[in-house]
Structure formats: structure tokens, C-alpha cells
Amino acid sequence: DSTGATQAIVVNRAFVNQLLGGANAVGRRVYYVEAGGREAARSGTTTQYEIVGVVTDLGTNTIQPDLIEPVIYHSLRSSTRATALIRVRGNDPLQFSSRLRDLTSALDPTLRLRIVTLSEMKRQQMIGLRLMLLGSSLVVGTVLLLSAAGIYAMMSFAVSQRRKEIGIRAAMGADARQLLGSIFTRAALQLASGVAVGIVLALLIDRASDGEMLGSLGLGLLPITALVMVLVGLFATLGPARRGLRIQPTEALRAE
């Protein structure tokens, strides 16, 4: 069926209804042309395909049947890889697999058959899903740790640069709450500016890529990601803020 100038094909019911007007399709011949072309096939130069059967549509749409796409089924070649799902009732799948191997070996000894039970397929899918979730979790955790480390270092530097200011404010009667408020206010402003710049850049890149970068799911995750990064940044500010509270006014003024 897959050799010679005319090869056999099978079409679905939508092909018959939409392209042939419901007429008898068996015996009709079709051929492929370039997109937009309508040149007739020349004998001996273009492979023609003869319709030898019609099958029902795999997809159904009772509301708008015209939405079902016409399909042409070609015969399998030696390099074709196909998958078949077989439901077995009342028998052990492993016993049926040995019988299936005998049948395929008698049909064509060169066929390579791999039989996997549904439970094994589910197990492999779960393993792949778990590995994907683990990899994603590691990537997200690494990003959060690096972000927290960078913010921690930045705030530590900022607190060390404000030792004199913190010491003077403490000497003038500022309590721990006021000192923490000044430290976290500056951290929040820096984090907010960074998040704003990041969101604007992400939206510009997404617009330049016609929505391919983020998609509908990415647009929903963008504010969540921004909120998580702000919380991580504020949490990383706790260490430098606590060190700022331990600064004694006399030590800060003496150091200057």
C-alpha cells in the first residue's frame, strides 16, 4: 500500500462531508501541491493517493460538526512509530502480552514491540512529574536564597553606613520601634522600586514577544512573585535591623 505511483490512504467522515460533499469517496484520488498552488499532477512526477476506506471521526462535535478537521491516514512505513492502547478484560495483561508478541512476530519479525501496562505508565508519569516539581522547587528556592543573600548584604551595608545616624537618633531618645521603622522603611522603598522596575521590564518584554513570554498564567503569577520577593526582602532585613538596634550612641560617635 505504501509503494508505487499510487498509494492507498484512508480518510475520515469529515473529509468526505466537507471536501467531497458527502459523495462516495472510495476510488477517488488526491495528491499534494504546494501551499497556495492548484497545479494538476503530472503523470509519473507526483505521487497520487487513492482513497480505499472511510473511518468515523475520532473527535465529535454535535453542535458544530464543521469544526471537525478533515484527516488523511497514510500507511505506516518501516520507520514509523505507533502507539496502541488495548483494554483487556478478565485476563492478566502480562499473559496477553506474550500472545501479542507471538502475533506480531508472525506478522513481521522486524517489528519492535514494547508492551507497558497502564499502571507502569502511570508510575512513570508520576516519577516524571515529581522530578519536574523537584527541579522547579530547587530553582525557585535557589532564586529566593540568592535574592535574600543579596538583600541581606545590601541592608547590612546600609546599616553600617548609618551607624552615626542611628547613634544620634538613639541618643536623642528614639526607641527601638522608631529605629526599626526607619530601617524597614528604607528597605521597603528599595524593594518597591526594584519590583516596579522588574514588572515594567517583564511587561515590555512580554509585549515585544506578543504575549509568548508570560502568557495568561505568567500574568497571574507576576504579582504573586513580586509579593513573595518583597516578603523575602523584608525577612532578610531582620538581621541588619537587629544589629542596628545594638549600636550604642557613644560607640557610633566615637567611631566617626
Protein backbone atom coordinates (compact mmCIF):
# COMPACT_ATOMS: atom_id res chain seq x y z
CA ASP A 1 0.00 0.00 0.00
CA SER A 2 2.93 2.38 0.55
CA THR A 3 4.82 1.66 -2.70
CA GLY A 4 4.21 2.51 -6.34
CA ALA A 5 2.99 5.60 -8.13
CA THR A 6 -0.44 5.36 -6.48
CA GLN A 7 -0.60 4.72 -2.75
CA ALA A 8 -3.58 3.82 -0.61
CA ILE A 9 -4.98 6.17 2.02
CA VAL A 10 -7.94 6.25 4.40
CA VAL A 11 -9.92 9.42 5.18
CA ASN A 12 -12.34 10.34 7.95
CA ARG A 13 -16.01 11.20 7.63
CA ALA A 14 -15.32 14.95 7.92
CA PHE A 15 -13.10 14.73 4.83
CA VAL A 16 -15.96 13.18 2.86
CA ASN A 17 -18.59 15.64 4.07
CA GLN A 18 -16.57 18.85 3.83
CA LEU A 19 -14.44 18.23 0.73
CA LEU A 20 -16.45 15.73 -1.30
CA GLY A 21 -19.94 16.88 -0.40
CA GLY A 22 -20.85 13.52 1.11
CA ALA A 23 -20.29 11.62 -2.16
CA ASN A 24 -18.72 8.19 -2.37
CA ALA A 25 -15.02 8.61 -1.58
CA VAL A 26 -13.70 5.12 -2.31
CA GLY A 27 -11.69 5.12 -5.50
CA ARG A 28 -11.12 8.89 -5.55
CA ARG A 29 -7.53 10.04 -6.00
CA VAL A 30 -5.83 13.03 -4.38
CA TYR A 31 -2.35 14.50 -4.46
CA TYR A 32 -0.35 17.13 -2.60
CA VAL A 33 0.54 20.55 -4.02
CA GLU A 34 2.46 23.45 -2.57
CA ALA A 35 0.61 25.88 -0.32
CA GLY A 36 -1.50 28.17 -2.48
CA GLY A 37 -0.88 26.11 -5.61
CA ARG A 38 -3.51 24.49 -7.80
CA GLU A 39 -1.38 22.83 -10.49
CA ALA A 40 -2.64 19.43 -11.64
CA ALA A 41 -0.47 16.39 -11.05
CA ARG A 42 1.68 15.23 -13.91
CA SER A 43 1.82 11.54 -14.58
CA GLY A 44 4.97 9.96 -13.17
CA THR A 45 6.17 13.08 -11.32
CA THR A 46 3.63 13.45 -8.50
CA THR A 47 2.58 10.67 -6.13
CA GLN A 48 -1.18 10.11 -6.20
CA TYR A 49 -3.13 8.64 -3.31
CA GLU A 50 -6.22 6.51 -3.77
CA ILE A 51 -8.90 6.50 -1.09
CA VAL A 52 -9.59 2.89 -0.13
CA GLY A 53 -11.70 3.43 3.00
CA VAL A 54 -13.56 5.87 5.23
CA VAL A 55 -13.43 5.85 9.03
CA THR A 56 -15.50 7.69 11.60
CA ASP A 57 -14.24 10.92 13.14
CA LEU A 58 -12.17 10.49 16.27
CA GLY A 59 -13.46 13.82 17.60
CA THR A 60 -17.16 14.64 17.76
CA ASN A 61 -18.91 18.00 17.85
CA THR A 62 -22.70 17.70 17.78
CA ILE A 63 -23.18 21.49 17.94
CA GLN A 64 -20.94 22.44 15.00
CA PRO A 65 -19.83 19.37 13.02
CA ASP A 66 -17.94 21.59 10.54
CA LEU A 67 -15.32 22.30 13.22
CA ILE A 68 -14.03 18.72 12.93
CA GLU A 69 -10.95 18.79 10.71
CA PRO A 70 -10.64 16.50 7.68
CA VAL A 71 -7.94 13.89 8.21
CA ILE A 72 -5.98 11.66 5.81
CA TYR A 73 -4.42 8.48 7.18
CA HIS A 74 -1.36 7.11 5.37
CA SER A 75 0.00 3.60 5.67
CA LEU A 76 2.77 3.02 8.18
CA ARG A 77 6.35 2.97 6.97
CA SER A 78 9.22 0.96 8.38
CA SER A 79 10.48 3.93 10.41
CA THR A 80 7.04 4.87 11.76
CA ARG A 81 6.47 4.67 15.49
CA ALA A 82 2.91 3.93 16.57
CA THR A 83 1.17 3.53 19.91
CA ALA A 84 -1.85 1.29 20.51
CA LEU A 85 -3.94 1.17 23.69
CA ILE A 86 -5.55 -2.23 24.35
CA ARG A 87 -8.13 -2.89 27.04
CA VAL A 88 -8.10 -6.44 28.42
CA ARG A 89 -10.99 -7.87 30.41
CA GLY A 90 -10.72 -10.84 32.71
CA ASN A 91 -7.14 -11.70 31.76
CA ASP A 92 -3.70 -10.88 33.06
CA PRO A 93 -2.10 -8.20 30.84
CA LEU A 94 1.23 -9.99 31.09
CA GLN A 95 -0.29 -13.19 29.66
CA PHE A 96 -1.83 -11.23 26.82
CA SER A 97 1.49 -9.55 26.09
CA SER A 98 3.15 -12.86 25.29
CA ARG A 99 0.33 -13.70 22.89
CA LEU A 100 0.63 -10.26 21.29
CA ARG A 101 4.36 -10.74 20.78
CA ASP A 102 3.73 -14.04 19.03
CA LEU A 103 1.19 -12.42 16.71
CA THR A 104 3.44 -9.52 15.76
CA SER A 105 6.43 -11.80 15.29
CA ALA A 106 4.42 -13.99 12.92
CA LEU A 107 3.23 -10.91 11.04
CA ASP A 108 6.63 -9.21 10.72
CA PRO A 109 9.74 -10.40 12.58
CA THR A 110 11.37 -6.97 12.13
CA LEU A 111 8.73 -5.18 14.20
CA ARG A 112 9.97 -3.96 17.57
CA LEU A 113 7.27 -4.23 20.20
CA ARG A 114 7.35 -2.63 23.64
CA ILE A 115 4.49 -3.50 25.98
CA VAL A 116 3.80 -1.38 29.04
CA THR A 117 0.87 -1.79 31.41
CA LEU A 118 -1.30 1.17 32.38
CA SER A 119 -0.10 1.02 35.98
CA GLU A 120 3.50 1.20 34.81
CA MET A 121 2.71 4.16 32.55
CA LYS A 122 1.07 5.98 35.47
CA ARG A 123 4.06 5.22 37.65
CA GLN A 124 6.47 6.61 35.06
CA GLN A 125 4.33 9.72 34.63
CA MET A 126 4.26 10.29 38.39
CA ILE A 127 8.05 9.92 38.56
CA GLY A 128 8.46 12.46 35.76
CA LEU A 129 6.01 14.84 37.44
CA ARG A 130 7.80 14.55 40.77
CA LEU A 131 11.18 15.17 39.17
CA MET A 132 9.80 18.22 37.36
CA LEU A 133 8.31 19.58 40.60
CA LEU A 134 11.55 18.90 42.45
CA GLY A 135 13.59 20.69 39.79
CA SER A 136 11.22 23.65 39.79
CA SER A 137 11.31 23.81 43.60
CA LEU A 138 15.11 23.77 43.60
CA VAL A 139 15.25 26.57 41.03
CA VAL A 140 12.72 28.70 42.94
CA GLY A 141 14.47 28.02 46.26
CA THR A 142 17.85 28.94 44.79
CA VAL A 143 16.47 32.19 43.38
CA LEU A 144 14.89 33.09 46.72
CA LEU A 145 18.09 32.31 48.65
CA LEU A 146 20.24 34.35 46.27
CA SER A 147 17.77 37.24 46.46
CA ALA A 148 17.69 37.07 50.25
CA ALA A 149 21.50 36.97 50.39
CA GLY A 150 21.79 40.00 48.11
CA ILE A 151 19.23 42.00 50.08
CA TYR A 152 20.88 40.97 53.35
CA ALA A 153 24.26 42.20 52.13
CA MET A 154 22.75 45.43 50.81
CA MET A 155 20.93 46.19 54.06
CA SER A 156 23.98 45.30 56.14
CA PHE A 157 25.98 47.82 54.15
CA ALA A 158 23.20 50.42 54.52
CA VAL A 159 23.05 49.94 58.31
CA SER A 160 26.82 50.17 58.62
CA GLN A 161 26.75 53.45 56.67
CA ARG A 162 24.05 54.80 59.00
CA ARG A 163 25.77 53.96 62.27
CA LYS A 164 26.24 57.63 63.18
CA GLU A 165 22.66 58.50 62.24
CA ILE A 166 21.28 55.60 64.28
CA GLY A 167 23.51 56.51 67.22
CA ILE A 168 22.41 60.15 67.18
CA ARG A 169 18.73 59.20 66.95
CA ALA A 170 19.14 56.77 69.84
CA ALA A 171 20.90 59.44 71.91
CA MET A 172 18.05 61.84 71.21
CA GLY A 173 15.54 59.39 72.64
CA ALA A 174 14.40 57.36 69.66
CA ASP A 175 13.09 53.99 70.81
CA ALA A 176 13.58 50.61 69.14
CA ARG A 177 10.29 50.85 67.26
CA GLN A 178 11.24 54.14 65.62
CA LEU A 179 14.69 52.85 64.67
CA LEU A 180 13.24 49.68 63.16
CA GLY A 181 10.67 51.76 61.31
CA SER A 182 13.35 53.89 59.66
CA ILE A 183 15.39 50.85 58.66
CA PHE A 184 12.42 48.91 57.24
CA THR A 185 11.02 51.98 55.52
CA ARG A 186 14.19 52.44 53.51
CA ALA A 187 14.28 48.70 52.75
CA ALA A 188 10.64 48.73 51.64
CA LEU A 189 11.25 51.69 49.32
CA GLN A 190 14.24 49.97 47.71
CA LEU A 191 12.30 46.73 47.31
CA ALA A 192 9.27 48.54 45.88
CA SER A 193 11.39 50.37 43.33
CA GLY A 194 13.09 47.13 42.29
CA VAL A 195 9.76 45.30 41.98
CA ALA A 196 8.26 48.17 39.95
CA VAL A 197 11.20 48.21 37.53
CA GLY A 198 11.09 44.42 37.21
CA ILE A 199 7.35 44.35 36.48
CA VAL A 200 7.65 47.10 33.87
CA LEU A 201 10.53 45.33 32.13
CA ALA A 202 8.66 42.00 32.21
CA LEU A 203 5.56 43.58 30.68
CA LEU A 204 7.61 45.32 27.98
CA ILE A 205 9.38 42.09 27.06
CA ASP A 206 6.06 40.21 27.08
CA ARG A 207 4.54 42.84 24.78
CA ALA A 208 7.53 42.65 22.45
CA SER A 209 7.11 38.85 22.25
CA ASP A 210 3.34 39.16 21.57
CA GLY A 211 2.49 37.56 24.90
CA GLU A 212 4.64 34.46 24.35
CA MET A 213 6.95 35.03 27.31
CA LEU A 214 4.42 35.22 30.14
CA GLY A 215 1.12 34.06 28.70
CA SER A 216 -2.10 34.16 30.71
CA LEU A 217 -0.60 32.09 33.55
CA GLY A 218 2.53 34.25 33.78
CA LEU A 219 0.50 37.45 34.04
CA GLY A 220 -1.32 35.98 37.03
CA LEU A 221 1.89 34.82 38.69
CA LEU A 222 3.66 38.15 38.22
CA PRO A 223 2.05 39.97 41.20
CA ILE A 224 2.41 36.84 43.34
CA THR A 225 6.11 36.66 42.51
CA ALA A 226 6.52 40.36 43.32
CA LEU A 227 4.80 39.89 46.70
CA VAL A 228 6.98 36.89 47.54
CA MET A 229 10.16 38.79 46.69
CA VAL A 230 9.08 41.73 48.86
CA LEU A 231 8.41 39.40 51.79
CA VAL A 232 11.77 37.69 51.28
CA GLY A 233 13.48 41.08 51.19
CA LEU A 234 11.82 42.26 54.39
CA PHE A 235 12.68 38.99 56.11
CA ALA A 236 16.31 39.37 55.03
CA THR A 237 16.32 42.85 56.57
CA LEU A 238 15.68 41.45 60.07
CA GLY A 239 19.34 40.59 60.71
CA PRO A 240 20.80 44.01 59.83
CA ALA A 241 17.93 45.72 61.68
CA ARG A 242 18.67 43.81 64.87
CA ARG A 243 22.34 44.74 64.60
CA GLY A 244 21.29 48.36 64.16
CA LEU A 245 19.42 48.24 67.48
CA ARG A 246 22.57 47.10 69.27
CA ILE A 247 24.52 50.17 68.16
CA GLN A 248 25.40 52.27 71.20
CA PRO A 249 25.40 56.07 70.69
CA THR A 250 28.83 56.51 72.30
CA GLU A 251 30.36 53.80 70.10
CA ALA A 252 28.81 55.21 66.91
CA LEU A 253 30.05 58.76 67.67
CA ARG A 254 33.48 57.53 68.74
CA ALA A 255 33.82 55.52 65.51
CA GLU A 256 33.19 58.69 63.49
